[in-house]
C-alpha atoms as a PDB file:
ATOM      1  CA  MET A   1      31.594  12.583  45.959  1.00  0.00           C
ATOM      2  CA  ARG A   2      33.639   9.526  45.023  1.00  0.00           C
ATOM      3  CA  ALA A   3      34.346   8.934  41.333  1.00  0.00           C
ATOM      4  CA  ASP A   4      32.549   5.559  41.383  1.00  0.00           C
ATOM      5  CA  MET A   5      29.430   7.222  42.826  1.00  0.00           C
ATOM      6  CA  ILE A   6      29.528   9.876  40.096  1.00  0.00           C
ATOM      7  CA  GLN A   7      29.827   7.145  37.492  1.00  0.00           C
ATOM      8  CA  GLU A   8      26.836   5.272  38.974  1.00  0.00           C
ATOM      9  CA  SER A   9      24.711   8.423  39.054  1.00  0.00           C
ATOM     10  CA  ARG A  10      25.241   8.895  35.340  1.00  0.00           C
ATOM     11  CA  HIS A  11      24.235   5.376  34.364  1.00  0.00           C
ATOM     12  CA  PRO A  12      20.422   5.860  34.389  1.00  0.00           C
ATOM     13  CA  ASP A  13      20.545   8.928  32.134  1.00  0.00           C
ATOM     14  CA  ALA A  14      23.050   7.272  29.832  1.00  0.00           C
ATOM     15  CA  SER A  15      20.826   4.219  29.620  1.00  0.00           C
ATOM     16  CA  ARG A  16      17.786   6.324  28.733  1.00  0.00           C
ATOM     17  CA  LEU A  17      19.767   8.148  26.043  1.00  0.00           C
ATOM     18  CA  ALA A  18      20.894   4.843  24.590  1.00  0.00           C
ATOM     19  CA  ASP A  19      17.332   3.558  24.563  1.00  0.00           C
ATOM     20  CA  ASN A  20      16.208   6.640  22.619  1.00  0.00           C
ATOM     21  CA  ALA A  21      19.089   6.633  20.162  1.00  0.00           C
ATOM     22  CA  ALA A  22      18.170   6.540  16.493  1.00  0.00           C
ATOM     23  CA  TRP A  23      18.299   3.173  14.778  1.00  0.00           C
ATOM     24  CA  SER A  24      20.838   2.769  12.027  1.00  0.00           C
ATOM     25  CA  ARG A  25      19.449   2.884   8.468  1.00  0.00           C
ATOM     26  CA  GLU A  26      19.705  -0.885   8.314  1.00  0.00           C
ATOM     27  CA  ALA A  27      17.954  -1.422  11.629  1.00  0.00           C
ATOM     28  CA  PHE A  28      15.257   1.109  10.762  1.00  0.00           C
ATOM     29  CA  GLU A  29      14.598  -0.548   7.404  1.00  0.00           C
ATOM     30  CA  ALA A  30      14.401  -3.913   9.168  1.00  0.00           C
ATOM     31  CA  GLN A  31      11.792  -2.458  11.551  1.00  0.00           C
ATOM     32  CA  LEU A  32       9.751  -1.196   8.590  1.00  0.00           C
ATOM     33  CA  ARG A  33       9.921  -4.544   6.830  1.00  0.00           C
ATOM     34  CA  GLU A  34       8.972  -6.342  10.041  1.00  0.00           C
ATOM     35  CA  ARG A  35       5.552  -4.686   9.789  1.00  0.00           C
ATOM     36  CA  GLY A  36       4.843  -6.944   6.829  1.00  0.00           C
ATOM     37  CA  LYS A  37       3.451  -9.405   9.386  1.00  0.00           C
ATOM     38  CA  SER A  38       0.355  -7.162   9.410  1.00  0.00           C
ATOM     39  CA  TYR A  39       0.040  -6.953   5.635  1.00  0.00           C
ATOM     40  CA  HIS A  40      -3.319  -8.007   4.240  1.00  0.00           C
ATOM     41  CA  ILE A  41      -1.697 -10.889   2.397  1.00  0.00           C
ATOM     42  CA  HIS A  42      -2.375 -12.700   5.698  1.00  0.00           C
ATOM     43  CA  HIS A  43      -6.026 -11.638   5.985  1.00  0.00           C
ATOM     44  CA  PRO A  44      -8.451 -14.593   5.768  1.00  0.00           C
ATOM     45  CA  PHE A  45     -10.303 -12.976   2.875  1.00  0.00           C
ATOM     46  CA  ASN A  46      -7.123 -12.609   0.837  1.00  0.00           C
ATOM     47  CA  VAL A  47      -5.957 -16.106   1.791  1.00  0.00           C
ATOM     48  CA  MET A  48      -9.282 -17.399   0.517  1.00  0.00           C
ATOM     49  CA  LEU A  49      -8.846 -15.548  -2.776  1.00  0.00           C
ATOM     50  CA  ASN A  50      -5.314 -16.750  -3.364  1.00  0.00           C
ATOM     51  CA  THR A  51      -5.952 -20.373  -2.430  1.00  0.00           C
ATOM     52  CA  GLY A  52      -8.786 -20.773  -4.906  1.00  0.00           C
ATOM     53  CA  LYS A  53     -11.599 -21.027  -2.376  1.00  0.00           C
ATOM     54  CA  ALA A  54     -13.493 -17.885  -3.368  1.00  0.00           C
ATOM     55  CA  THR A  55     -16.783 -18.065  -5.214  1.00  0.00           C
ATOM     56  CA  PRO A  56     -17.318 -15.948  -8.334  1.00  0.00           C
ATOM     57  CA  ASP A  57     -19.445 -13.545  -6.292  1.00  0.00           C
ATOM     58  CA  GLN A  58     -16.685 -13.149  -3.716  1.00  0.00           C
ATOM     59  CA  VAL A  59     -14.105 -12.491  -6.436  1.00  0.00           C
ATOM     60  CA  ARG A  60     -16.385  -9.942  -8.087  1.00  0.00           C
ATOM     61  CA  GLY A  61     -17.086  -8.262  -4.754  1.00  0.00           C
ATOM     62  CA  TRP A  62     -13.374  -7.908  -4.083  1.00  0.00           C
ATOM     63  CA  VAL A  63     -12.634  -6.530  -7.557  1.00  0.00           C
ATOM     64  CA  ALA A  64     -15.482  -3.996  -7.385  1.00  0.00           C
ATOM     65  CA  ASN A  65     -14.511  -2.768  -3.914  1.00  0.00           C
ATOM     66  CA  ARG A  66     -10.790  -2.611  -4.591  1.00  0.00           C
ATOM     67  CA  PHE A  67     -11.548  -0.388  -7.573  1.00  0.00           C
ATOM     68  CA  TYR A  68     -12.373   2.388  -5.135  1.00  0.00           C
ATOM     69  CA  TYR A  69      -8.850   2.040  -3.734  1.00  0.00           C
ATOM     70  CA  GLN A  70      -7.342   1.973  -7.232  1.00  0.00           C
ATOM     71  CA  ILE A  71      -8.939   5.261  -8.257  1.00  0.00           C
ATOM     72  CA  ALA A  72      -7.839   6.840  -4.967  1.00  0.00           C
ATOM     73  CA  ILE A  73      -4.147   6.067  -5.486  1.00  0.00           C
ATOM     74  CA  PRO A  74      -3.426   8.812  -8.054  1.00  0.00           C
ATOM     75  CA  ILE A  75      -5.458  11.275  -5.964  1.00  0.00           C
ATOM     76  CA  LYS A  76      -3.296  10.389  -2.969  1.00  0.00           C
ATOM     77  CA  ASP A  77      -0.159  10.808  -5.064  1.00  0.00           C
ATOM     78  CA  ALA A  78      -1.356  14.176  -6.341  1.00  0.00           C
ATOM     79  CA  ALA A  79      -1.722  15.223  -2.696  1.00  0.00           C
ATOM     80  CA  VAL A  80       1.906  14.247  -2.078  1.00  0.00           C
ATOM     81  CA  LEU A  81       2.959  16.384  -5.042  1.00  0.00           C
ATOM     82  CA  SER A  82       0.886  19.355  -3.923  1.00  0.00           C
ATOM     83  CA  ASN A  83       2.575  19.359  -0.502  1.00  0.00           C
ATOM     84  CA  CYS A  84       6.136  18.711  -1.710  1.00  0.00           C
ATOM     85  CA  PRO A  85       8.418  21.715  -2.420  1.00  0.00           C
ATOM     86  CA  ASP A  86      11.244  19.590  -3.849  1.00  0.00           C
ATOM     87  CA  PRO A  87      11.116  19.519  -7.683  1.00  0.00           C
ATOM     88  CA  ALA A  88      13.394  16.486  -7.838  1.00  0.00           C
ATOM     89  CA  VAL A  89      10.988  14.478  -5.708  1.00  0.00           C
ATOM     90  CA  ARG A  90       8.013  15.719  -7.718  1.00  0.00           C
ATOM     91  CA  ARG A  91       9.654  14.690 -11.002  1.00  0.00           C
ATOM     92  CA  GLY A  92      10.044  11.156  -9.703  1.00  0.00           C
ATOM     93  CA  TRP A  93       6.757  10.871  -7.865  1.00  0.00           C
ATOM     94  CA  ILE A  94       4.598  11.973 -10.798  1.00  0.00           C
ATOM     95  CA  GLN A  95       5.331   8.652 -12.514  1.00  0.00           C
ATOM     96  CA  ARG A  96       2.961   6.998 -10.042  1.00  0.00           C
ATOM     97  CA  ILE A  97       0.061   9.088 -11.319  1.00  0.00           C
ATOM     98  CA  LEU A  98       0.929   8.219 -14.910  1.00  0.00           C
ATOM     99  CA  ASP A  99       1.127   4.531 -13.989  1.00  0.00           C
ATOM    100  CA  HIS A 100      -2.462   4.574 -12.771  1.00  0.00           C
ATOM    101  CA  ASP A 101      -4.154   7.235 -14.889  1.00  0.00           C
ATOM    102  CA  GLY A 102      -2.295   6.379 -18.088  1.00  0.00           C
ATOM    103  CA  PHE A 103      -0.646   8.735 -20.556  1.00  0.00           C
ATOM    104  CA  GLU A 104       0.064   9.474 -24.190  1.00  0.00           C
ATOM    105  CA  ILE A 105       3.378  11.260 -24.652  1.00  0.00           C
ATOM    106  CA  GLY A 106       5.503  11.456 -27.799  1.00  0.00           C
ATOM    107  CA  GLY A 107       3.588   8.710 -29.513  1.00  0.00           C
ATOM    108  CA  ILE A 108       3.906   6.370 -26.522  1.00  0.00           C
ATOM    109  CA  LYS A 109       0.569   5.403 -25.013  1.00  0.00           C
ATOM    110  CA  ASP A 110      -0.191   3.519 -21.843  1.00  0.00           C
ATOM    111  CA  PRO A 111      -3.831   3.153 -20.722  1.00  0.00           C
ATOM    112  CA  GLY A 112      -2.677   2.848 -17.099  1.00  0.00           C
ATOM    113  CA  GLY A 113      -3.483   0.745 -14.079  1.00  0.00           C
ATOM    114  CA  ILE A 114      -7.045   1.914 -13.579  1.00  0.00           C
ATOM    115  CA  GLU A 115      -7.936   0.787 -17.090  1.00  0.00           C
ATOM    116  CA  ALA A 116      -6.126  -2.498 -16.420  1.00  0.00           C
ATOM    117  CA  TRP A 117      -8.271  -2.948 -13.317  1.00  0.00           C
ATOM    118  CA  LEU A 118     -11.386  -2.375 -15.392  1.00  0.00           C
ATOM    119  CA  ARG A 119     -10.197  -5.156 -17.720  1.00  0.00           C
ATOM    120  CA  LEU A 120      -9.920  -7.366 -14.639  1.00  0.00           C
ATOM    121  CA  ALA A 121     -13.497  -6.418 -13.746  1.00  0.00           C
ATOM    122  CA  LEU A 122     -14.700  -7.445 -17.194  1.00  0.00           C
ATOM    123  CA  ALA A 123     -12.741 -10.694 -16.963  1.00  0.00           C
ATOM    124  CA  VAL A 124     -14.496 -11.677 -13.720  1.00  0.00           C
ATOM    125  CA  GLY A 125     -17.953 -10.911 -15.102  1.00  0.00           C
ATOM    126  CA  LEU A 126     -18.619  -7.330 -14.019  1.00  0.00           C
ATOM    127  CA  THR A 127     -19.593  -4.523 -16.379  1.00  0.00           C
ATOM    128  CA  ARG A 128     -17.667  -1.281 -16.704  1.00  0.00           C
ATOM    129  CA  GLU A 129     -20.765   0.656 -15.752  1.00  0.00           C
ATOM    130  CA  GLU A 130     -21.374  -1.094 -12.438  1.00  0.00           C
ATOM    131  CA  VAL A 131     -17.725  -0.739 -11.442  1.00  0.00           C
ATOM    132  CA  LEU A 132     -17.391   2.903 -12.494  1.00  0.00           C
ATOM    133  CA  ASP A 133     -20.565   4.021 -10.730  1.00  0.00           C
ATOM    134  CA  LEU A 134     -19.253   2.434  -7.496  1.00  0.00           C
ATOM    135  CA  ARG A 135     -22.583   0.799  -6.670  1.00  0.00           C
ATOM    136  CA  HIS A 136     -20.888  -2.181  -5.033  1.00  0.00           C
ATOM    137  CA  VAL A 137     -18.475  -0.203  -2.843  1.00  0.00           C
ATOM    138  CA  LEU A 138     -19.166  -0.898   0.822  1.00  0.00           C
ATOM    139  CA  PRO A 139     -19.450   2.052   3.233  1.00  0.00           C
ATOM    140  CA  ALA A 140     -16.588   0.767   5.392  1.00  0.00           C
ATOM    141  CA  VAL A 141     -14.339   0.414   2.335  1.00  0.00           C
ATOM    142  CA  ARG A 142     -15.190   3.939   1.236  1.00  0.00           C
ATOM    143  CA  PHE A 143     -14.527   5.247   4.762  1.00  0.00           C
ATOM    144  CA  ALA A 144     -11.130   3.532   4.996  1.00  0.00           C
ATOM    145  CA  VAL A 145      -9.933   4.673   1.580  1.00  0.00           C
ATOM    146  CA  ASP A 146     -11.140   8.234   2.158  1.00  0.00           C
ATOM    147  CA  ALA A 147      -9.243   8.290   5.462  1.00  0.00           C
ATOM    148  CA  TYR A 148      -6.057   7.389   3.583  1.00  0.00           C
ATOM    149  CA  VAL A 149      -6.537  10.131   0.999  1.00  0.00           C
ATOM    150  CA  ASN A 150      -7.347  12.697   3.693  1.00  0.00           C
ATOM    151  CA  PHE A 151      -4.196  11.727   5.568  1.00  0.00           C
ATOM    152  CA  ALA A 152      -2.105  12.326   2.443  1.00  0.00           C
ATOM    153  CA  ARG A 153      -3.716  15.722   1.921  1.00  0.00           C
ATOM    154  CA  ARG A 154      -3.060  16.952   5.454  1.00  0.00           C
ATOM    155  CA  ALA A 155       0.162  15.281   6.547  1.00  0.00           C
ATOM    156  CA  PRO A 156       3.687  16.485   5.765  1.00  0.00           C
ATOM    157  CA  TRP A 157       4.632  15.071   2.396  1.00  0.00           C
ATOM    158  CA  GLN A 158       7.355  12.884   3.889  1.00  0.00           C
ATOM    159  CA  GLU A 159       4.746  11.190   6.079  1.00  0.00           C
ATOM    160  CA  SER A 160       2.504  10.626   3.071  1.00  0.00           C
ATOM    161  CA  VAL A 161       5.440   9.033   1.281  1.00  0.00           C
ATOM    162  CA  CYS A 162       6.048   6.807   4.294  1.00  0.00           C
ATOM    163  CA  SER A 163       2.429   5.656   4.222  1.00  0.00           C
ATOM    164  CA  SER A 164       3.014   4.292   0.717  1.00  0.00           C
ATOM    165  CA  LEU A 165       5.571   1.800   2.005  1.00  0.00           C
ATOM    166  CA  THR A 166       3.051  -1.015   2.096  1.00  0.00           C
ATOM    167  CA  GLU A 167       4.561  -1.377  -1.391  1.00  0.00           C
ATOM    168  CA  LEU A 168       7.413  -3.149   0.382  1.00  0.00           C
ATOM    169  CA  PHE A 169       5.125  -6.153   0.593  1.00  0.00           C
ATOM    170  CA  ALA A 170       3.066  -5.711  -2.587  1.00  0.00           C
ATOM    171  CA  PRO A 171       5.195  -7.633  -5.131  1.00  0.00           C
ATOM    172  CA  GLU A 172       4.656 -10.852  -3.186  1.00  0.00           C
ATOM    173  CA  ILE A 173       0.877 -10.510  -3.124  1.00  0.00           C
ATOM    174  CA  HIS A 174       0.794  -9.808  -6.872  1.00  0.00           C
ATOM    175  CA  LYS A 175       3.024 -12.811  -7.557  1.00  0.00           C
ATOM    176  CA  GLN A 176       0.700 -14.983  -5.480  1.00  0.00           C
ATOM    177  CA  ARG A 177      -2.269 -13.933  -7.598  1.00  0.00           C
ATOM    178  CA  LEU A 178      -0.396 -14.565 -10.827  1.00  0.00           C
ATOM    179  CA  ALA A 179       0.666 -18.001  -9.599  1.00  0.00           C
ATOM    180  CA  THR A 180      -2.641 -19.208  -8.172  1.00  0.00           C
ATOM    181  CA  TRP A 181      -5.508 -17.459  -9.946  1.00  0.00           C
ATOM    182  CA  PRO A 182      -4.973 -19.075 -13.382  1.00  0.00           C
ATOM    183  CA  GLU A 183      -4.900 -22.478 -11.697  1.00  0.00           C
ATOM    184  CA  HIS A 184      -7.962 -22.016  -9.500  1.00  0.00           C
ATOM    185  CA  TYR A 185     -10.132 -19.629 -11.513  1.00  0.00           C
ATOM    186  CA  HIS A 186     -10.179 -20.956 -15.059  1.00  0.00           C
ATOM    187  CA  TRP A 187     -13.220 -18.817 -15.765  1.00  0.00           C
ATOM    188  CA  ILE A 188     -11.177 -15.597 -15.468  1.00  0.00           C
ATOM    189  CA  GLU A 189      -9.601 -14.585 -18.773  1.00  0.00           C
ATOM    190  CA  SER A 190      -5.806 -14.341 -18.573  1.00  0.00           C
ATOM    191  CA  GLU A 191      -5.758 -10.853 -20.066  1.00  0.00           C
ATOM    192  CA  GLY A 192      -7.625  -9.657 -17.014  1.00  0.00           C
ATOM    193  CA  LEU A 193      -4.567 -10.333 -14.839  1.00  0.00           C
ATOM    194  CA  SER A 194      -2.388  -7.753 -16.605  1.00  0.00           C
ATOM    195  CA  TYR A 195      -2.702  -5.312 -13.705  1.00  0.00           C
ATOM    196  CA  PHE A 196      -0.888  -7.736 -11.410  1.00  0.00           C
ATOM    197  CA  ARG A 197       1.824  -8.410 -14.006  1.00  0.00           C
ATOM    198  CA  ASN A 198       2.491  -4.711 -14.437  1.00  0.00           C
ATOM    199  CA  ARG A 199       2.540  -3.922 -10.741  1.00  0.00           C
ATOM    200  CA  VAL A 200       5.215  -6.480  -9.832  1.00  0.00           C
ATOM    201  CA  GLY A 201       7.876  -4.341 -11.517  1.00  0.00           C
ATOM    202  CA  GLN A 202       6.294  -0.975 -10.795  1.00  0.00           C
ATOM    203  CA  ALA A 203       5.959  -1.707  -7.089  1.00  0.00           C
ATOM    204  CA  ARG A 204       9.641  -2.623  -6.811  1.00  0.00           C
ATOM    205  CA  ARG A 205      10.602   0.684  -8.431  1.00  0.00           C
ATOM    206  CA  ASP A 206       8.216   2.608  -6.189  1.00  0.00           C
ATOM    207  CA  VAL A 207       9.627   0.908  -3.095  1.00  0.00           C
ATOM    208  CA  GLU A 208      13.151   2.098  -3.885  1.00  0.00           C
ATOM    209  CA  GLU A 209      11.990   5.702  -4.166  1.00  0.00           C
ATOM    210  CA  GLY A 210       9.691   5.750  -1.149  1.00  0.00           C
ATOM    211  CA  LEU A 211      12.106   3.840   1.059  1.00  0.00           C
ATOM    212  CA  ALA A 212      15.014   6.185   0.236  1.00  0.00           C
ATOM    213  CA  ILE A 213      12.926   9.249   1.132  1.00  0.00           C
ATOM    214  CA  THR A 214      11.774   7.642   4.378  1.00  0.00           C
ATOM    215  CA  LEU A 215      15.245   6.533   5.470  1.00  0.00           C
ATOM    216  CA  ASN A 216      16.669   9.974   4.687  1.00  0.00           C
ATOM    217  CA  HIS A 217      13.973  11.935   6.511  1.00  0.00           C
ATOM    218  CA  PHE A 218      13.115   9.876   9.594  1.00  0.00           C
ATOM    219  CA  THR A 219      16.562   9.996  11.199  1.00  0.00           C
ATOM    220  CA  THR A 220      15.834  10.413  14.918  1.00  0.00           C
ATOM    221  CA  ARG A 221      14.289   7.792  17.152  1.00  0.00           C
ATOM    222  CA  PRO A 222      11.024   9.742  17.666  1.00  0.00           C
ATOM    223  CA  LEU A 223      10.710  10.281  13.911  1.00  0.00           C
ATOM    224  CA  GLN A 224      11.473   6.623  13.201  1.00  0.00           C
ATOM    225  CA  GLU A 225       8.811   5.526  15.677  1.00  0.00           C
ATOM    226  CA  ARG A 226       6.410   7.946  14.005  1.00  0.00           C
ATOM    227  CA  ALA A 227       7.209   6.320  10.654  1.00  0.00           C
ATOM    228  CA  LEU A 228       6.322   2.918  12.067  1.00  0.00           C
ATOM    229  CA  GLU A 229       3.015   4.316  13.321  1.00  0.00           C
ATOM    230  CA  ILE A 230       2.258   5.737   9.872  1.00  0.00           C
ATOM    231  CA  LEU A 231       3.067   2.464   8.140  1.00  0.00           C
ATOM    232  CA  GLN A 232       0.857   0.599  10.598  1.00  0.00           C
ATOM    233  CA  PHE A 233      -1.947   3.068   9.905  1.00  0.00           C
ATOM    234  CA  LYS A 234      -1.760   2.227   6.186  1.00  0.00           C
ATOM    235  CA  LEU A 235      -1.601  -1.497   6.928  1.00  0.00           C
ATOM    236  CA  ASP A 236      -4.721  -1.069   9.059  1.00  0.00           C
ATOM    237  CA  ILE A 237      -6.474   0.674   6.153  1.00  0.00           C
ATOM    238  CA  LEU A 238      -5.888  -2.333   3.905  1.00  0.00           C
ATOM    239  CA  TRP A 239      -6.852  -4.802   6.640  1.00  0.00           C
ATOM    240  CA  THR A 240     -10.062  -2.888   7.380  1.00  0.00           C
ATOM    241  CA  MET A 241     -11.064  -3.070   3.724  1.00  0.00           C
ATOM    242  CA  ASN A 242     -10.762  -6.849   3.876  1.00  0.00           C
ATOM    243  CA  ASP A 243     -12.702  -6.937   7.148  1.00  0.00           C
ATOM    244  CA  ALA A 244     -15.544  -5.070   5.443  1.00  0.00           C
ATOM    245  CA  MET A 245     -15.584  -7.482   2.522  1.00  0.00           C
ATOM    246  CA  THR A 246     -15.531 -10.452   4.888  1.00  0.00           C
ATOM    247  CA  THR A 247     -18.600  -9.082   6.652  1.00  0.00           C
ATOM    248  CA  ARG A 248     -20.429  -8.576   3.364  1.00  0.00           C
ATOM    249  CA  TYR A 249     -19.336 -11.603   1.307  1.00  0.00           C
ATOM    250  CA  GLY A 250     -18.154 -14.087   3.921  1.00  0.00           C
ATOM    251  CA  VAL A 251     -15.091 -16.318   3.852  1.00  0.00           C
ATOM    252  CA  SER A 252     -15.318 -19.737   2.222  1.00  0.00           C
ATOM    253  CA  SER A 253     -13.494 -22.517   4.029  1.00  0.00           C
END
């Protein structure tokens, strides 16, 4: 067989190998960040909230339903810890539970993000009781959030970490709320927005940790494509929650 024919016969396999080659860390991170186009910051219900078009009932409905997600976050993070054999990762990851559940250590006390969300609920006119007993939580919201927690319980811990990378896009949505809610919703007390203020910095810190773990673990092309699927799954969870609230409360134009 001539040398040029041998060379031609190898081209298809070489092309397929090239197509399946792992992305560089930079290219992989860019692919992850590209998924931000599906983040619920673009959902009509969220756009309505952040452009000042929501009614008080719509704001209250969102706050009450999102509370179910807030209380699920530390449960999800506990699932990550329970599946992770690496003590170094566990030492870092446990901060997320403290951020939401609060703590009192060595004279330092932080009531945590869940308590901050309850202050938001009070600021928009809800009572602690009606938020804590979950009476306003829609079945579809409950289903979506439970699916996320169940995923974290059953998946390899690295995949659960990857699912948290919607935090890549979270600082922007919190900054939007801080910029627009005081202008549009004068009836909401400023103290109620403390959750968003706190999460801007916390989310950036969490992104660094979760992104490093993801980039270090998902190093082959099939694994990287799996990571993108996982991130899209989490984005779909958040979008579905907004779909449910749209169905129940409507979207004001």
